[in-house]
């Protein structure tokens, strides 16, 4: 039976991994391959490239930290896959929603892309984020239910 500390570590590991992976995918796909935007588009191209580098470093740091915690959980036989995967999806969706609402709209650091009607892009970006978060929440809920059933059977 996992301890509360082990359950927290599953959640933190999954959240960090989800944040890191979605940040990495955002950086590679939207910044590097499609050239739709930089992390910071309110300055020069050089400032945008530097901001992309910092963002890329952050996403890799989060991914690696999540994987170190994952490896420790496996080594200790405390990994709870449903909790971990749910937290990963929740972290990915939360980052995407934060990016879409705070960075794109509230702070105006960048938009999804430029010189197009943003409305469909904004809707697609934010709805996808909510759906990913919902999938993560369902996995987390099912993981907690499985834990509760095991504890009640003991």
Protein backbone atom coordinates (compact mmCIF):
# COMPACT_ATOMS: atom_id res chain seq x y z
CA UNK A 1 0.00 0.00 0.00
CA UNK A 2 1.61 3.31 -1.02
CA UNK A 3 2.21 5.87 1.68
CA UNK A 4 0.80 9.40 1.37
CA UNK A 5 4.34 10.56 0.53
CA UNK A 6 4.52 8.00 -2.30
CA UNK A 7 1.16 9.14 -3.65
CA UNK A 8 2.36 12.77 -3.60
CA UNK A 9 5.56 11.76 -5.38
CA UNK A 10 3.48 10.01 -8.08
CA UNK A 11 1.48 13.23 -8.54
CA UNK A 12 4.51 15.53 -8.58
CA UNK A 13 6.43 13.26 -10.95
CA UNK A 14 3.49 13.03 -13.35
CA UNK A 15 2.80 16.78 -13.21
CA UNK A 16 6.44 17.65 -13.92
CA UNK A 17 6.65 15.14 -16.74
CA UNK A 18 3.39 16.35 -18.32
CA UNK A 19 4.47 19.99 -18.06
CA UNK A 20 7.85 19.21 -19.55
CA UNK A 21 6.59 17.12 -22.43
CA UNK A 22 3.89 19.59 -23.50
CA UNK A 23 6.41 22.44 -23.21
CA UNK A 24 8.84 20.48 -25.36
CA UNK A 25 6.16 19.72 -27.97
CA UNK A 26 5.04 23.37 -28.01
CA UNK A 27 8.63 24.51 -28.47
CA UNK A 28 9.48 22.03 -31.22
CA UNK A 29 6.23 22.15 -33.18
CA UNK A 30 5.01 25.75 -32.89
CA UNK A 31 8.30 27.59 -32.34
CA UNK A 32 10.83 25.64 -34.39
CA UNK A 33 9.01 23.66 -37.09
CA UNK A 34 6.04 25.89 -37.91
CA UNK A 35 7.69 29.22 -36.92
CA UNK A 36 4.33 30.47 -35.65
CA UNK A 37 5.70 32.30 -32.63
CA UNK A 38 8.43 32.59 -30.00
CA UNK A 39 7.94 32.40 -26.26
CA UNK A 40 8.31 36.19 -26.14
CA UNK A 41 7.25 38.04 -29.32
CA UNK A 42 7.11 41.62 -28.03
CA UNK A 43 10.78 42.36 -28.75
CA UNK A 44 13.41 41.58 -31.34
CA UNK A 45 13.89 38.24 -33.05
CA UNK A 46 17.01 37.75 -30.93
CA UNK A 47 14.98 38.25 -27.75
CA UNK A 48 12.44 35.74 -29.05
CA UNK A 49 15.15 33.16 -29.70
CA UNK A 50 16.68 33.65 -26.25
CA UNK A 51 13.25 33.32 -24.65
CA UNK A 52 12.72 30.10 -26.61
CA UNK A 53 16.01 28.76 -25.27
CA UNK A 54 15.05 29.54 -21.67
CA UNK A 55 11.62 27.98 -22.22
CA UNK A 56 13.22 24.90 -23.78
CA UNK A 57 15.61 24.54 -20.82
CA UNK A 58 12.69 24.83 -18.38
CA UNK A 59 10.69 22.16 -20.20
CA UNK A 60 13.63 19.76 -20.23
CA UNK A 61 14.37 20.42 -16.56
CA UNK A 62 10.76 19.58 -15.68
CA UNK A 63 10.83 16.44 -17.87
CA UNK A 64 14.09 15.15 -16.37
CA UNK A 65 12.99 15.94 -12.80
CA UNK A 66 9.75 14.06 -13.43
CA UNK A 67 11.66 11.09 -14.83
CA UNK A 68 14.07 10.98 -11.87
CA UNK A 69 11.09 10.84 -9.52
CA UNK A 70 9.49 8.20 -11.77
CA UNK A 71 12.64 6.05 -11.60
CA UNK A 72 12.72 6.39 -7.81
CA UNK A 73 9.06 5.36 -7.59
CA UNK A 74 9.76 2.28 -9.74
CA UNK A 75 12.83 1.38 -7.72
CA UNK A 76 10.80 1.53 -4.50
CA UNK A 77 7.83 -0.31 -6.11
CA UNK A 78 5.61 2.69 -5.32
CA UNK A 79 4.67 3.69 -8.86
CA UNK A 80 0.92 3.97 -9.34
CA UNK A 81 0.54 4.20 -13.11
CA UNK A 82 -2.99 5.58 -13.15
CA UNK A 83 -2.17 8.35 -10.69
CA UNK A 84 1.07 9.14 -12.50
CA UNK A 85 -0.52 9.20 -15.97
CA UNK A 86 -3.49 11.24 -14.73
CA UNK A 87 -1.15 13.77 -13.15
CA UNK A 88 0.85 13.89 -16.38
CA UNK A 89 -2.22 14.68 -18.46
CA UNK A 90 -3.41 17.18 -15.86
CA UNK A 91 -0.01 18.92 -15.92
CA UNK A 92 0.08 19.02 -19.72
CA UNK A 93 -3.45 20.37 -20.01
CA UNK A 94 -2.94 22.91 -17.22
CA UNK A 95 0.19 24.24 -18.90
CA UNK A 96 -1.56 24.51 -22.25
CA UNK A 97 -4.55 26.29 -20.69
CA UNK A 98 -2.22 28.64 -18.78
CA UNK A 99 -0.35 29.32 -22.02
CA UNK A 100 -3.55 29.95 -23.96
CA UNK A 101 -5.25 32.19 -21.40
CA UNK A 102 -2.45 33.92 -19.49
CA UNK A 103 0.47 34.11 -21.92
CA UNK A 104 -1.55 34.53 -25.12
CA UNK A 105 -4.41 36.72 -23.91
CA UNK A 106 -3.74 38.28 -20.51
CA UNK A 107 -0.03 39.11 -20.86
CA UNK A 108 0.14 39.13 -24.66
CA UNK A 109 3.62 37.56 -24.68
CA UNK A 110 2.79 35.83 -27.96
CA UNK A 111 -0.16 34.53 -29.96
CA UNK A 112 -0.57 31.06 -31.40
CA UNK A 113 0.17 32.54 -34.82
CA UNK A 114 -0.02 35.86 -36.58
CA UNK A 115 -1.82 37.40 -39.55
CA UNK A 116 -4.79 35.02 -39.27
CA UNK A 117 -8.14 35.02 -37.50
CA UNK A 118 -7.09 33.90 -33.99
CA UNK A 119 -10.54 32.86 -32.76
CA UNK A 120 -10.52 29.28 -34.15
CA UNK A 121 -6.93 28.78 -33.00
CA UNK A 122 -7.71 30.07 -29.50
CA UNK A 123 -10.81 27.88 -29.23
CA UNK A 124 -8.96 24.79 -30.47
CA UNK A 125 -5.96 25.44 -28.19
CA UNK A 126 -8.01 26.00 -25.03
CA UNK A 127 -10.64 23.32 -25.66
CA UNK A 128 -7.86 20.79 -26.26
CA UNK A 129 -6.26 21.88 -22.96
CA UNK A 130 -9.52 21.38 -21.06
CA UNK A 131 -10.08 17.95 -22.67
CA UNK A 132 -6.55 16.83 -21.73
CA UNK A 133 -7.10 18.08 -18.17
CA UNK A 134 -10.44 16.26 -18.02
CA UNK A 135 -8.81 13.00 -19.17
CA UNK A 136 -6.15 13.47 -16.48
CA UNK A 137 -8.77 14.17 -13.81
CA UNK A 138 -10.68 11.00 -14.77
CA UNK A 139 -7.51 8.91 -14.48
CA UNK A 140 -6.69 10.51 -11.14
CA UNK A 141 -10.20 9.84 -9.86
CA UNK A 142 -10.02 6.21 -10.97
CA UNK A 143 -6.60 5.89 -9.38
CA UNK A 144 -7.94 7.22 -6.09
CA UNK A 145 -10.95 4.87 -6.32
CA UNK A 146 -8.64 1.88 -6.83
CA UNK A 147 -6.61 2.99 -3.82
CA UNK A 148 -9.73 3.35 -1.67
CA UNK A 149 -10.95 -0.14 -2.70
CA UNK A 150 -7.58 -1.66 -1.73
CA UNK A 151 -7.59 0.13 1.63
CA UNK A 152 -11.17 -0.99 2.38
CA UNK A 153 -10.28 -4.60 1.54
CA UNK A 154 -7.32 -4.59 3.93
